[in-house]
Amino acid sequence: MENKDLVYYFFKKKLNENKYNLKYGTKPDLFFNLDIDSAKPYLSKVDIKEQKEIVRIIENFNITQLSSVLENIRYNLEHKREFNSFLRDTRDIQKGRFLKKPRARVDSPVCIDTYIGFMRALKEGTLYTAKLKIDGKLKRVFIKTPIGNANDLNLDFGFSRLAIDPETLNVYSFINNRAGRINETKIKKVFSKTDLDRLALEYENQKTAGIARESYLNFRKELLEKMDAVYGIERIIDTYLRMGGKIDSQKYKNKDFKEELIRHLEERFGTEKLLNWVSKIKNPKEAAKLKLERLESLGKYHGQEYRAHYSAEYNRAKHQKIQKLRPKKAIKRLI
């Protein structure tokens, strides 16, 4: 008879072998054995073939990946969830994907380390993702937690559970409801660039203040690079357009974010690919407007030689933007 507690015994053994390195924020994780024991009845229900695959995967996990698996178990326990997606969640950790089951706390403090914490979580592969309704608009955000200690001691800070909007870089607190979903009525903006600048001016340790500013400035770029490396931005966009998805020129309002996104995509895929994506917009005037925006932004970034090279494309788009579209003639039906 096969062991129905295969994952339980293997994972518990693995954690205890690494218990001196297992941390929750800056403190040792003292309750992992208690939580694993609580999860035993649920883990035993996982199909034996899936258990064998889970063991095969976590056998080579580092301490941060093991902490991510443990956090997943704690989420399921806290919200009384079955472990039906345990194998899929473990594979996501293995592949370095953004995790999707963040736990929250009401008392998540903010300080000058806040942006450092997001950079830490991004670099260590413990950044979660979710959608929050911010100012009435559903937005993709990224969440840091107390798991994932940094190899770089300069980044080993900022362990509060908070979410960041990559467009504005504003930071939000949130809580989960009993089912584990994010409570839309409890989302609150708690930190921003204004707060960072104010704290940095009067902060005693100017080295930490400098790292906080660097983390703020570099977070978007490194987030895009991570997304591209793990998910493949080109494949995602091409598939989205092929399946009938529409480009929304009004999706992002933040100018800095839009320009940084344009530069990253152009650097990764080239101007021709960007213009090809824009050409998928059905409204010609809207397509021309977006094409001009791309070329103007990249022209400022690359300089005169770039502007000269794409002058014909620029002038064509400018003409299309101002051109009045002729109304289509009515087609009479043949009766």
C-alpha atoms as a PDB file:
ATOM      1  CA  MET A   1       0.000   0.000   0.000  1.00  0.00           C
ATOM      2  CA  GLU A   2       1.398   3.382  -1.033  1.00  0.00           C
ATOM      3  CA  ASN A   3       2.086   6.049   1.565  1.00  0.00           C
ATOM      4  CA  LYS A   4      -0.738   8.612   1.485  1.00  0.00           C
ATOM      5  CA  ASP A   5       1.357  10.953   3.668  1.00  0.00           C
ATOM      6  CA  LEU A   6       4.309  11.061   1.272  1.00  0.00           C
ATOM      7  CA  VAL A   7       4.331  14.871   0.861  1.00  0.00           C
ATOM      8  CA  TYR A   8       3.738  15.472   4.564  1.00  0.00           C
ATOM      9  CA  TYR A   9       6.720  13.406   5.738  1.00  0.00           C
ATOM     10  CA  PHE A  10       9.064  14.507   2.950  1.00  0.00           C
ATOM     11  CA  PHE A  11       8.288  18.219   3.272  1.00  0.00           C
ATOM     12  CA  LYS A  12       8.475  18.187   7.061  1.00  0.00           C
ATOM     13  CA  LYS A  13      11.852  16.443   6.896  1.00  0.00           C
ATOM     14  CA  LYS A  14      13.074  18.926   4.302  1.00  0.00           C
ATOM     15  CA  LEU A  15      12.061  21.935   6.429  1.00  0.00           C
ATOM     16  CA  ASN A  16      13.657  20.543   9.573  1.00  0.00           C
ATOM     17  CA  GLU A  17      16.902  19.965   7.700  1.00  0.00           C
ATOM     18  CA  ASN A  18      16.873  23.696   6.879  1.00  0.00           C
ATOM     19  CA  LYS A  19      15.258  25.012  10.057  1.00  0.00           C
ATOM     20  CA  TYR A  20      18.167  27.254  11.038  1.00  0.00           C
ATOM     21  CA  ASN A  21      17.880  29.114   7.725  1.00  0.00           C
ATOM     22  CA  LEU A  22      14.087  29.218   7.687  1.00  0.00           C
ATOM     23  CA  LYS A  23      12.935  32.762   8.408  1.00  0.00           C
ATOM     24  CA  TYR A  24       9.737  34.735   8.502  1.00  0.00           C
ATOM     25  CA  GLY A  25      10.804  38.272   7.840  1.00  0.00           C
ATOM     26  CA  THR A  26      13.889  38.906   9.965  1.00  0.00           C
ATOM     27  CA  LYS A  27      12.970  36.322  12.629  1.00  0.00           C
ATOM     28  CA  PRO A  28      13.299  32.531  12.709  1.00  0.00           C
ATOM     29  CA  ASP A  29      10.177  30.693  11.573  1.00  0.00           C
ATOM     30  CA  LEU A  30       9.232  28.907  14.805  1.00  0.00           C
ATOM     31  CA  PHE A  31       5.821  27.515  13.874  1.00  0.00           C
ATOM     32  CA  PHE A  32       6.437  25.581  10.674  1.00  0.00           C
ATOM     33  CA  ASN A  33       6.163  22.158  12.335  1.00  0.00           C
ATOM     34  CA  LEU A  34       2.842  23.091  13.916  1.00  0.00           C
ATOM     35  CA  ASP A  35       1.468  24.301  10.572  1.00  0.00           C
ATOM     36  CA  ILE A  36       2.684  21.247   8.665  1.00  0.00           C
ATOM     37  CA  ASP A  37       1.056  18.968  11.252  1.00  0.00           C
ATOM     38  CA  SER A  38      -2.203  20.919  10.876  1.00  0.00           C
ATOM     39  CA  ALA A  39      -2.035  20.426   7.111  1.00  0.00           C
ATOM     40  CA  LYS A  40      -1.457  16.662   7.282  1.00  0.00           C
ATOM     41  CA  PRO A  41      -5.133  15.631   6.869  1.00  0.00           C
ATOM     42  CA  TYR A  42      -5.441  17.850   3.781  1.00  0.00           C
ATOM     43  CA  LEU A  43      -2.128  16.788   2.244  1.00  0.00           C
ATOM     44  CA  SER A  44      -3.083  13.117   2.613  1.00  0.00           C
ATOM     45  CA  LYS A  45      -6.061  13.736   0.308  1.00  0.00           C
ATOM     46  CA  VAL A  46      -3.823  14.808  -2.568  1.00  0.00           C
ATOM     47  CA  ASP A  47      -3.680  12.123  -5.263  1.00  0.00           C
ATOM     48  CA  ILE A  48      -0.659   9.853  -4.791  1.00  0.00           C
ATOM     49  CA  LYS A  49       0.619  10.490  -8.329  1.00  0.00           C
ATOM     50  CA  GLU A  50       0.493  14.224  -7.650  1.00  0.00           C
ATOM     51  CA  GLN A  51       2.237  13.708  -4.303  1.00  0.00           C
ATOM     52  CA  LYS A  52       5.095  11.894  -6.039  1.00  0.00           C
ATOM     53  CA  GLU A  53       5.434  14.746  -8.541  1.00  0.00           C
ATOM     54  CA  ILE A  54       5.380  17.348  -5.747  1.00  0.00           C
ATOM     55  CA  VAL A  55       8.140  15.487  -3.894  1.00  0.00           C
ATOM     56  CA  ARG A  56      10.198  15.267  -7.087  1.00  0.00           C
ATOM     57  CA  ILE A  57       9.900  19.042  -7.560  1.00  0.00           C
ATOM     58  CA  ILE A  58      10.565  20.228  -4.000  1.00  0.00           C
ATOM     59  CA  GLU A  59      13.487  17.834  -3.571  1.00  0.00           C
ATOM     60  CA  ASN A  60      15.727  20.406  -5.280  1.00  0.00           C
ATOM     61  CA  PHE A  61      14.111  23.543  -3.845  1.00  0.00           C
ATOM     62  CA  ASN A  62      16.209  26.175  -2.114  1.00  0.00           C
ATOM     63  CA  ILE A  63      15.203  27.710   1.223  1.00  0.00           C
ATOM     64  CA  THR A  64      13.216  30.541  -0.387  1.00  0.00           C
ATOM     65  CA  GLN A  65      11.223  28.134  -2.559  1.00  0.00           C
ATOM     66  CA  LEU A  66      10.525  25.941   0.478  1.00  0.00           C
ATOM     67  CA  SER A  67       9.255  29.031   2.320  1.00  0.00           C
ATOM     68  CA  SER A  68       6.951  29.774  -0.617  1.00  0.00           C
ATOM     69  CA  VAL A  69       5.481  26.261  -0.447  1.00  0.00           C
ATOM     70  CA  LEU A  70       4.989  26.677   3.303  1.00  0.00           C
ATOM     71  CA  GLU A  71       3.255  30.022   2.760  1.00  0.00           C
ATOM     72  CA  ASN A  72       0.913  28.356   0.280  1.00  0.00           C
ATOM     73  CA  ILE A  73       0.044  25.739   2.908  1.00  0.00           C
ATOM     74  CA  ARG A  74      -0.605  28.466   5.486  1.00  0.00           C
ATOM     75  CA  TYR A  75      -2.911  30.293   3.090  1.00  0.00           C
ATOM     76  CA  ASN A  76      -4.960  27.132   2.546  1.00  0.00           C
ATOM     77  CA  LEU A  77      -5.139  26.475   6.295  1.00  0.00           C
ATOM     78  CA  GLU A  78      -6.040  30.061   7.183  1.00  0.00           C
ATOM     79  CA  HIS A  79      -8.874  30.189   4.677  1.00  0.00           C
ATOM     80  CA  LYS A  80      -9.962  26.538   5.004  1.00  0.00           C
ATOM     81  CA  ARG A  81      -9.115  25.756   1.388  1.00  0.00           C
ATOM     82  CA  GLU A  82      -8.642  22.280  -0.024  1.00  0.00           C
ATOM     83  CA  PHE A  83      -5.249  21.454  -1.541  1.00  0.00           C
ATOM     84  CA  ASN A  84      -6.620  20.801  -5.046  1.00  0.00           C
ATOM     85  CA  SER A  85      -4.171  23.200  -6.734  1.00  0.00           C
ATOM     86  CA  PHE A  86      -1.157  22.273  -4.615  1.00  0.00           C
ATOM     87  CA  LEU A  87       0.732  20.655  -7.493  1.00  0.00           C
ATOM     88  CA  ARG A  88       0.014  23.555  -9.847  1.00  0.00           C
ATOM     89  CA  ASP A  89       1.061  26.086  -7.198  1.00  0.00           C
ATOM     90  CA  THR A  90       4.292  24.156  -6.583  1.00  0.00           C
ATOM     91  CA  ARG A  91       5.062  24.135 -10.306  1.00  0.00           C
ATOM     92  CA  ASP A  92       4.525  27.904 -10.410  1.00  0.00           C
ATOM     93  CA  ILE A  93       7.132  28.282  -7.656  1.00  0.00           C
ATOM     94  CA  GLN A  94       9.497  26.029  -9.599  1.00  0.00           C
ATOM     95  CA  LYS A  95       9.083  28.092 -12.779  1.00  0.00           C
ATOM     96  CA  GLY A  96       9.569  31.408 -10.988  1.00  0.00           C
ATOM     97  CA  ARG A  97       6.080  32.674 -11.750  1.00  0.00           C
ATOM     98  CA  PHE A  98       4.334  35.324  -9.680  1.00  0.00           C
ATOM     99  CA  LEU A  99       2.394  33.615  -6.887  1.00  0.00           C
ATOM    100  CA  LYS A 100      -1.358  34.084  -6.580  1.00  0.00           C
ATOM    101  CA  LYS A 101      -2.418  33.403  -2.989  1.00  0.00           C
ATOM    102  CA  PRO A 102      -1.254  36.337  -0.859  1.00  0.00           C
ATOM    103  CA  ARG A 103      -2.171  36.527   2.798  1.00  0.00           C
ATOM    104  CA  ALA A 104      -2.762  39.928   4.342  1.00  0.00           C
ATOM    105  CA  ARG A 105      -2.639  41.638   7.697  1.00  0.00           C
ATOM    106  CA  VAL A 106      -4.481  44.715   8.928  1.00  0.00           C
ATOM    107  CA  ASP A 107      -1.379  46.126  10.623  1.00  0.00           C
ATOM    108  CA  SER A 108       1.129  46.286   7.739  1.00  0.00           C
ATOM    109  CA  PRO A 109       3.448  49.176   8.606  1.00  0.00           C
ATOM    110  CA  VAL A 110       5.193  51.328   6.008  1.00  0.00           C
ATOM    111  CA  CYS A 111       8.576  53.008   6.315  1.00  0.00           C
ATOM    112  CA  ILE A 112      11.553  54.023   4.210  1.00  0.00           C
ATOM    113  CA  ASP A 113      12.256  50.307   3.572  1.00  0.00           C
ATOM    114  CA  THR A 114       8.937  49.818   1.760  1.00  0.00           C
ATOM    115  CA  TYR A 115      10.250  50.031  -1.825  1.00  0.00           C
ATOM    116  CA  ILE A 116      13.354  48.052  -0.859  1.00  0.00           C
ATOM    117  CA  GLY A 117      11.023  45.247   0.197  1.00  0.00           C
ATOM    118  CA  PHE A 118       9.348  45.138  -3.214  1.00  0.00           C
ATOM    119  CA  MET A 119      12.732  44.916  -4.928  1.00  0.00           C
ATOM    120  CA  ARG A 120      13.775  42.156  -2.502  1.00  0.00           C
ATOM    121  CA  ALA A 121      10.643  40.119  -3.218  1.00  0.00           C
ATOM    122  CA  LEU A 122      11.076  40.605  -6.964  1.00  0.00           C
ATOM    123  CA  LYS A 123      14.697  39.476  -6.959  1.00  0.00           C
ATOM    124  CA  GLU A 124      14.067  36.506  -4.648  1.00  0.00           C
ATOM    125  CA  GLY A 125      11.037  35.238  -6.583  1.00  0.00           C
ATOM    126  CA  THR A 126       8.491  35.733  -3.786  1.00  0.00           C
ATOM    127  CA  LEU A 127       6.432  38.494  -5.383  1.00  0.00           C
ATOM    128  CA  TYR A 128       2.716  37.756  -5.490  1.00  0.00           C
ATOM    129  CA  THR A 129       0.218  39.189  -7.951  1.00  0.00           C
ATOM    130  CA  ALA A 130      -3.479  40.009  -7.727  1.00  0.00           C
ATOM    131  CA  LYS A 131      -6.063  42.424  -9.077  1.00  0.00           C
ATOM    132  CA  LEU A 132      -7.273  45.281  -6.893  1.00  0.00           C
ATOM    133  CA  LYS A 133      -9.949  47.840  -7.606  1.00  0.00           C
ATOM    134  CA  ILE A 134      -8.165  51.176  -7.226  1.00  0.00           C
ATOM    135  CA  ASP A 135     -10.159  54.380  -7.718  1.00  0.00           C
ATOM    136  CA  GLY A 136     -12.899  52.330  -9.356  1.00  0.00           C
ATOM    137  CA  LYS A 137     -10.549  50.655 -11.837  1.00  0.00           C
ATOM    138  CA  LEU A 138      -9.421  47.006 -11.690  1.00  0.00           C
ATOM    139  CA  LYS A 139      -5.615  46.963 -11.784  1.00  0.00           C
ATOM    140  CA  ARG A 140      -2.889  44.344 -11.677  1.00  0.00           C
ATOM    141  CA  VAL A 141      -0.741  44.834  -8.566  1.00  0.00           C
ATOM    142  CA  PHE A 142       2.252  43.039  -7.056  1.00  0.00           C
ATOM    143  CA  ILE A 143       2.534  42.049  -3.404  1.00  0.00           C
ATOM    144  CA  LYS A 144       5.464  41.553  -1.048  1.00  0.00           C
ATOM    145  CA  THR A 145       5.301  39.362   2.060  1.00  0.00           C
ATOM    146  CA  PRO A 146       7.591  38.305   4.937  1.00  0.00           C
ATOM    147  CA  ILE A 147       9.034  35.411   2.887  1.00  0.00           C
ATOM    148  CA  GLY A 148      12.151  35.568   0.740  1.00  0.00           C
ATOM    149  CA  ASN A 149      15.267  36.802   2.511  1.00  0.00           C
ATOM    150  CA  ALA A 150      17.699  38.543   0.178  1.00  0.00           C
ATOM    151  CA  ASN A 151      21.198  37.327  -0.603  1.00  0.00           C
ATOM    152  CA  ASP A 152      22.120  41.010  -0.848  1.00  0.00           C
ATOM    153  CA  LEU A 153      22.039  42.332   2.732  1.00  0.00           C
ATOM    154  CA  ASN A 154      21.294  45.831   1.410  1.00  0.00           C
ATOM    155  CA  LEU A 155      17.894  44.542   0.230  1.00  0.00           C
ATOM    156  CA  ASP A 156      16.997  42.409   3.260  1.00  0.00           C
ATOM    157  CA  PHE A 157      14.305  44.813   4.444  1.00  0.00           C
ATOM    158  CA  GLY A 158      10.638  45.660   3.967  1.00  0.00           C
ATOM    159  CA  PHE A 159       8.731  42.546   5.026  1.00  0.00           C
ATOM    160  CA  SER A 160       5.247  44.039   5.505  1.00  0.00           C
ATOM    161  CA  ARG A 161       2.408  42.620   3.409  1.00  0.00           C
ATOM    162  CA  LEU A 162       1.686  45.422   0.948  1.00  0.00           C
ATOM    163  CA  ALA A 163       0.691  45.819  -2.720  1.00  0.00           C
ATOM    164  CA  ILE A 164       2.252  48.094  -5.338  1.00  0.00           C
ATOM    165  CA  ASP A 165       0.617  49.493  -8.471  1.00  0.00           C
ATOM    166  CA  PRO A 166       3.377  49.272 -11.139  1.00  0.00           C
ATOM    167  CA  GLU A 167       1.877  52.165 -13.107  1.00  0.00           C
ATOM    168  CA  THR A 168       1.936  54.791 -10.348  1.00  0.00           C
ATOM    169  CA  LEU A 169       4.210  52.984  -7.853  1.00  0.00           C
ATOM    170  CA  ASN A 170       1.719  53.860  -5.124  1.00  0.00           C
ATOM    171  CA  VAL A 171       1.559  51.323  -2.281  1.00  0.00           C
ATOM    172  CA  TYR A 172      -1.640  49.896  -0.795  1.00  0.00           C
ATOM    173  CA  SER A 173      -2.630  47.888   2.248  1.00  0.00           C
ATOM    174  CA  PHE A 174      -5.353  45.258   1.916  1.00  0.00           C
ATOM    175  CA  ILE A 175      -6.948  42.389   3.812  1.00  0.00           C
ATOM    176  CA  ASN A 176      -8.464  39.060   2.819  1.00  0.00           C
ATOM    177  CA  ASN A 177     -12.013  38.036   3.542  1.00  0.00           C
ATOM    178  CA  ARG A 178     -12.766  34.651   5.114  1.00  0.00           C
ATOM    179  CA  ALA A 179     -12.709  32.921   1.738  1.00  0.00           C
ATOM    180  CA  GLY A 180      -9.224  34.256   1.055  1.00  0.00           C
ATOM    181  CA  ARG A 181     -10.232  36.831  -1.540  1.00  0.00           C
ATOM    182  CA  ILE A 182      -9.145  40.450  -1.236  1.00  0.00           C
ATOM    183  CA  ASN A 183     -11.770  42.637   0.441  1.00  0.00           C
ATOM    184  CA  GLU A 184     -12.414  45.461  -2.060  1.00  0.00           C
ATOM    185  CA  THR A 185     -13.753  47.781   0.638  1.00  0.00           C
ATOM    186  CA  LYS A 186     -10.546  47.601   2.706  1.00  0.00           C
ATOM    187  CA  ILE A 187      -7.978  48.739   0.130  1.00  0.00           C
ATOM    188  CA  LYS A 188      -6.084  51.807   1.321  1.00  0.00           C
ATOM    189  CA  LYS A 189      -3.242  53.867  -0.154  1.00  0.00           C
ATOM    190  CA  VAL A 190      -0.498  54.007   2.473  1.00  0.00           C
ATOM    191  CA  PHE A 191       2.744  55.073   0.732  1.00  0.00           C
ATOM    192  CA  SER A 192       3.992  56.900  -2.365  1.00  0.00           C
ATOM    193  CA  LYS A 193       7.004  58.684  -3.875  1.00  0.00           C
ATOM    194  CA  THR A 194       6.045  61.805  -1.875  1.00  0.00           C
ATOM    195  CA  ASP A 195       6.323  59.855   1.387  1.00  0.00           C
ATOM    196  CA  LEU A 196       9.646  58.347   0.310  1.00  0.00           C
ATOM    197  CA  ASP A 197      11.137  61.760  -0.512  1.00  0.00           C
ATOM    198  CA  ARG A 198       9.968  63.216   2.802  1.00  0.00           C
ATOM    199  CA  LEU A 199      11.422  60.344   4.841  1.00  0.00           C
ATOM    200  CA  ALA A 200      14.678  60.233   2.869  1.00  0.00           C
ATOM    201  CA  LEU A 201      15.434  63.904   3.586  1.00  0.00           C
ATOM    202  CA  GLU A 202      15.474  63.397   7.344  1.00  0.00           C
ATOM    203  CA  TYR A 203      16.659  59.770   7.519  1.00  0.00           C
ATOM    204  CA  GLU A 204      19.854  59.222   9.497  1.00  0.00           C
ATOM    205  CA  ASN A 205      21.231  56.400   7.354  1.00  0.00           C
ATOM    206  CA  GLN A 206      21.652  58.016   3.939  1.00  0.00           C
ATOM    207  CA  LYS A 207      22.929  54.734   2.455  1.00  0.00           C
ATOM    208  CA  THR A 208      19.564  53.103   3.185  1.00  0.00           C
ATOM    209  CA  ALA A 209      17.762  56.183   1.873  1.00  0.00           C
ATOM    210  CA  GLY A 210      19.764  55.900  -1.352  1.00  0.00           C
ATOM    211  CA  ILE A 211      18.926  52.199  -1.741  1.00  0.00           C
ATOM    212  CA  ALA A 212      15.250  53.020  -1.175  1.00  0.00           C
ATOM    213  CA  ARG A 213      15.355  55.619  -3.958  1.00  0.00           C
ATOM    214  CA  GLU A 214      17.184  53.212  -6.292  1.00  0.00           C
ATOM    215  CA  SER A 215      14.597  50.517  -5.572  1.00  0.00           C
ATOM    216  CA  TYR A 216      11.818  52.951  -6.431  1.00  0.00           C
ATOM    217  CA  LEU A 217      13.490  54.032  -9.679  1.00  0.00           C
ATOM    218  CA  ASN A 218      14.458  50.528 -10.868  1.00  0.00           C
ATOM    219  CA  PHE A 219      11.408  48.507  -9.828  1.00  0.00           C
ATOM    220  CA  ARG A 220       9.385  48.931 -13.034  1.00  0.00           C
ATOM    221  CA  LYS A 221      12.309  48.067 -15.324  1.00  0.00           C
ATOM    222  CA  GLU A 222      13.244  44.946 -13.382  1.00  0.00           C
ATOM    223  CA  LEU A 223       9.594  43.907 -13.123  1.00  0.00           C
ATOM    224  CA  LEU A 224       9.225  44.091 -16.912  1.00  0.00           C
ATOM    225  CA  GLU A 225      12.447  42.116 -17.383  1.00  0.00           C
ATOM    226  CA  LYS A 226      11.184  39.446 -14.971  1.00  0.00           C
ATOM    227  CA  MET A 227       7.832  39.232 -16.763  1.00  0.00           C
ATOM    228  CA  ASP A 228       9.578  38.889 -20.102  1.00  0.00           C
ATOM    229  CA  ALA A 229      11.983  36.211 -18.841  1.00  0.00           C
ATOM    230  CA  VAL A 230       9.296  34.085 -17.176  1.00  0.00           C
ATOM    231  CA  TYR A 231       6.212  34.627 -19.330  1.00  0.00           C
ATOM    232  CA  GLY A 232       7.483  36.008 -22.664  1.00  0.00           C
ATOM    233  CA  ILE A 233       5.882  39.404 -23.315  1.00  0.00           C
ATOM    234  CA  GLU A 234       6.016  39.030 -27.113  1.00  0.00           C
ATOM    235  CA  ARG A 235       4.224  35.679 -27.022  1.00  0.00           C
ATOM    236  CA  ILE A 236       1.578  37.038 -24.628  1.00  0.00           C
ATOM    237  CA  ILE A 237       0.803  40.098 -26.795  1.00  0.00           C
ATOM    238  CA  ASP A 238       0.822  38.183 -30.097  1.00  0.00           C
ATOM    239  CA  THR A 239      -1.497  35.514 -28.674  1.00  0.00           C
ATOM    240  CA  TYR A 240      -3.763  38.163 -27.157  1.00  0.00           C
ATOM    241  CA  LEU A 241      -4.105  39.974 -30.500  1.00  0.00           C
ATOM    242  CA  ARG A 242      -4.525  36.737 -32.450  1.00  0.00           C
ATOM    243  CA  MET A 243      -7.391  35.729 -30.161  1.00  0.00           C
ATOM    244  CA  GLY A 244      -9.201  38.993 -30.865  1.00  0.00           C
ATOM    245  CA  GLY A 245      -7.895  41.080 -27.958  1.00  0.00           C
ATOM    246  CA  LYS A 246      -7.918  44.855 -28.389  1.00  0.00           C
ATOM    247  CA  ILE A 247      -5.204  47.374 -27.598  1.00  0.00           C
ATOM    248  CA  ASP A 248      -6.553  50.017 -25.228  1.00  0.00           C
ATOM    249  CA  SER A 249      -4.694  53.295 -25.788  1.00  0.00           C
ATOM    250  CA  GLN A 250      -6.279  54.729 -22.626  1.00  0.00           C
ATOM    251  CA  LYS A 251      -5.251  51.838 -20.355  1.00  0.00           C
ATOM    252  CA  TYR A 252      -2.391  53.721 -18.695  1.00  0.00           C
ATOM    253  CA  LYS A 253      -2.617  57.382 -17.709  1.00  0.00           C
ATOM    254  CA  ASN A 254       0.768  57.729 -16.001  1.00  0.00           C
ATOM    255  CA  LYS A 255       3.198  59.348 -18.473  1.00  0.00           C
ATOM    256  CA  ASP A 256       6.398  58.068 -16.838  1.00  0.00           C
ATOM    257  CA  PHE A 257       5.096  54.510 -16.782  1.00  0.00           C
ATOM    258  CA  LYS A 258       3.963  54.672 -20.418  1.00  0.00           C
ATOM    259  CA  GLU A 259       7.345  55.975 -21.587  1.00  0.00           C
ATOM    260  CA  GLU A 260       9.248  53.370 -19.583  1.00  0.00           C
ATOM    261  CA  LEU A 261       7.019  50.604 -20.966  1.00  0.00           C
ATOM    262  CA  ILE A 262       7.516  51.865 -24.537  1.00  0.00           C
ATOM    263  CA  ARG A 263      11.313  51.994 -24.117  1.00  0.00           C
ATOM    264  CA  HIS A 264      11.442  48.503 -22.657  1.00  0.00           C
ATOM    265  CA  LEU A 265       9.328  46.997 -25.418  1.00  0.00           C
ATOM    266  CA  GLU A 266      11.316  48.791 -28.121  1.00  0.00           C
ATOM    267  CA  GLU A 267      14.630  47.695 -26.621  1.00  0.00           C
ATOM    268  CA  ARG A 268      13.408  44.102 -26.428  1.00  0.00           C
ATOM    269  CA  PHE A 269      11.504  43.743 -29.709  1.00  0.00           C
ATOM    270  CA  GLY A 270      12.403  46.725 -31.906  1.00  0.00           C
ATOM    271  CA  THR A 271      10.431  49.657 -33.265  1.00  0.00           C
ATOM    272  CA  GLU A 272       8.938  47.686 -36.169  1.00  0.00           C
ATOM    273  CA  LYS A 273       7.295  45.203 -33.810  1.00  0.00           C
ATOM    274  CA  LEU A 274       5.813  48.016 -31.703  1.00  0.00           C
ATOM    275  CA  LEU A 275       4.381  49.735 -34.777  1.00  0.00           C
ATOM    276  CA  ASN A 276       3.008  46.412 -36.002  1.00  0.00           C
ATOM    277  CA  TRP A 277       1.168  45.922 -32.694  1.00  0.00           C
ATOM    278  CA  VAL A 278      -0.243  49.452 -32.910  1.00  0.00           C
ATOM    279  CA  SER A 279      -1.471  48.797 -36.465  1.00  0.00           C
ATOM    280  CA  LYS A 280      -3.826  46.142 -35.041  1.00  0.00           C
ATOM    281  CA  ILE A 281      -6.062  48.922 -33.686  1.00  0.00           C
ATOM    282  CA  LYS A 282      -9.144  49.027 -35.902  1.00  0.00           C
ATOM    283  CA  ASN A 283      -9.784  52.772 -35.564  1.00  0.00           C
ATOM    284  CA  PRO A 284      -7.240  54.390 -37.982  1.00  0.00           C
ATOM    285  CA  LYS A 285      -7.149  57.728 -36.149  1.00  0.00           C
ATOM    286  CA  GLU A 286      -6.622  56.005 -32.792  1.00  0.00           C
ATOM    287  CA  ALA A 287      -3.871  53.844 -34.314  1.00  0.00           C
ATOM    288  CA  ALA A 288      -2.163  56.906 -35.805  1.00  0.00           C
ATOM    289  CA  LYS A 289      -2.373  58.758 -32.473  1.00  0.00           C
ATOM    290  CA  LEU A 290      -0.779  55.846 -30.614  1.00  0.00           C
ATOM    291  CA  LYS A 291       1.906  55.428 -33.282  1.00  0.00           C
ATOM    292  CA  LEU A 292       2.819  59.120 -32.944  1.00  0.00           C
ATOM    293  CA  GLU A 293       3.024  58.751 -29.183  1.00  0.00           C
ATOM    294  CA  ARG A 294       5.423  55.812 -29.552  1.00  0.00           C
ATOM    295  CA  LEU A 295       7.643  57.534 -32.104  1.00  0.00           C
ATOM    296  CA  GLU A 296       7.770  60.822 -30.173  1.00  0.00           C
ATOM    297  CA  SER A 297       8.703  59.042 -26.941  1.00  0.00           C
ATOM    298  CA  LEU A 298      11.417  56.961 -28.610  1.00  0.00           C
ATOM    299  CA  GLY A 299      12.645  59.965 -30.595  1.00  0.00           C
ATOM    300  CA  LYS A 300      13.265  61.879 -27.357  1.00  0.00           C
ATOM    301  CA  TYR A 301      15.069  58.846 -25.926  1.00  0.00           C
ATOM    302  CA  HIS A 302      17.246  57.888 -28.930  1.00  0.00           C
ATOM    303  CA  GLY A 303      17.871  61.344 -30.402  1.00  0.00           C
ATOM    304  CA  GLN A 304      18.128  62.988 -33.813  1.00  0.00           C
ATOM    305  CA  GLU A 305      19.384  59.983 -35.806  1.00  0.00           C
ATOM    306  CA  TYR A 306      16.419  57.879 -34.719  1.00  0.00           C
ATOM    307  CA  ARG A 307      13.961  60.677 -35.540  1.00  0.00           C
ATOM    308  CA  ALA A 308      15.492  61.063 -38.996  1.00  0.00           C
ATOM    309  CA  HIS A 309      15.297  57.324 -39.662  1.00  0.00           C
ATOM    310  CA  TYR A 310      11.586  57.169 -38.803  1.00  0.00           C
ATOM    311  CA  SER A 311      10.608  60.606 -40.178  1.00  0.00           C
ATOM    312  CA  ALA A 312       8.543  59.123 -43.027  1.00  0.00           C
ATOM    313  CA  GLU A 313       6.650  56.868 -40.624  1.00  0.00           C
ATOM    314  CA  TYR A 314       6.116  59.817 -38.286  1.00  0.00           C
ATOM    315  CA  ASN A 315       4.790  62.088 -41.036  1.00  0.00           C
ATOM    316  CA  ARG A 316       2.494  59.348 -42.319  1.00  0.00           C
ATOM    317  CA  ALA A 317       1.019  58.826 -38.857  1.00  0.00           C
ATOM    318  CA  LYS A 318       0.651  62.580 -38.355  1.00  0.00           C
ATOM    319  CA  HIS A 319      -1.252  62.866 -41.625  1.00  0.00           C
ATOM    320  CA  GLN A 320      -3.522  59.938 -40.695  1.00  0.00           C
ATOM    321  CA  LYS A 321      -4.273  61.493 -37.320  1.00  0.00           C
ATOM    322  CA  ILE A 322      -5.505  64.802 -38.711  1.00  0.00           C
ATOM    323  CA  GLN A 323      -7.171  63.381 -41.813  1.00  0.00           C
ATOM    324  CA  LYS A 324     -10.942  63.462 -41.726  1.00  0.00           C
ATOM    325  CA  LEU A 325     -12.310  60.045 -42.386  1.00  0.00           C
ATOM    326  CA  ARG A 326     -14.798  59.974 -45.246  1.00  0.00           C
ATOM    327  CA  PRO A 327     -18.127  58.495 -44.237  1.00  0.00           C
ATOM    328  CA  LYS A 328     -18.882  55.193 -45.884  1.00  0.00           C
ATOM    329  CA  LYS A 329     -21.522  55.261 -48.560  1.00  0.00           C
ATOM    330  CA  ALA A 330     -24.684  53.473 -47.624  1.00  0.00           C
ATOM    331  CA  ILE A 331     -25.033  50.149 -49.347  1.00  0.00           C
ATOM    332  CA  LYS A 332     -28.480  49.619 -50.728  1.00  0.00           C
ATOM    333  CA  ARG A 333     -29.914  46.199 -50.260  1.00  0.00           C
ATOM    334  CA  LEU A 334     -31.039  44.278 -53.255  1.00  0.00           C
ATOM    335  CA  ILE A 335     -34.539  43.080 -52.761  1.00  0.00           C
END
